[in-house]
Amino acid sequence: MPVTIGAKQESDFTDPIGLLGDCHRRIERFLGAFVKVAEQAQGGELSEIQRSALQAAIAYFRNAGPRHTADEEQDLFPKLRGIDRATVKELLSRVDRLETDHRIADTLHGEANEIGERWLNEGALSPDAAARLSEVLAALSAMYRTHIALEDDEIFPVAAAELSAADKEEIGRDMAARRGVPFRSPKFS
């Protein structure tokens, strides 16, 4: 993998909040690729590059998306709800909204993936299906813009500041386990 001088290195499970932010960059990248393919091909025959990009986006949202949601809903958000500080309590209503966004995103991704799989299998989409895919991708893009901004700009900074080191390590361990990879504590590295 090439190294870009000055580029931010991705976080690991010892920095779960940073890792969640890195996941947002991947969501943006894969959703952007999905949108680009839909705009370029407009339901018609896919080039090999478009086919590959579409397959990668569908696989990403099918596999990584549910893990990211679980990271937040099963680990991060419950930890935040357990903190009795005003700075955290102010955020909790926004956390409820984020969980609602997750349900909406799951539904939209299910539909986008289904249409995308049909496109891959059949070689082309009907005009109605191509139009619906564009609508679904536009809805996902709009939802993610506000959702990711809220998490990156408000939720994650408060979580990074307010969660204890033990809480962060537990979240990181759970995230690693969810992906079937070992957690390497910084204490032993």
Foldseek 3Di string as FASTA:
>chain_A
DDDDPPDDDQDALLQVLSNLLVVLVVLVVLLVLLLVLLVPQVFAFGDPVNLVSLVVSLVCCVPVVVLSLCLCPVAVLVLLVPDPDPLSVVCNVVSVVLNVLSVVLVVLSVLLSVLSVCCSVVRGDDNVSSVVNNVSSVVVVVSSVVSSCCCVVRVSVCSVVPGDSVSSSVSSCVSCVVVPHHDDHPVRD
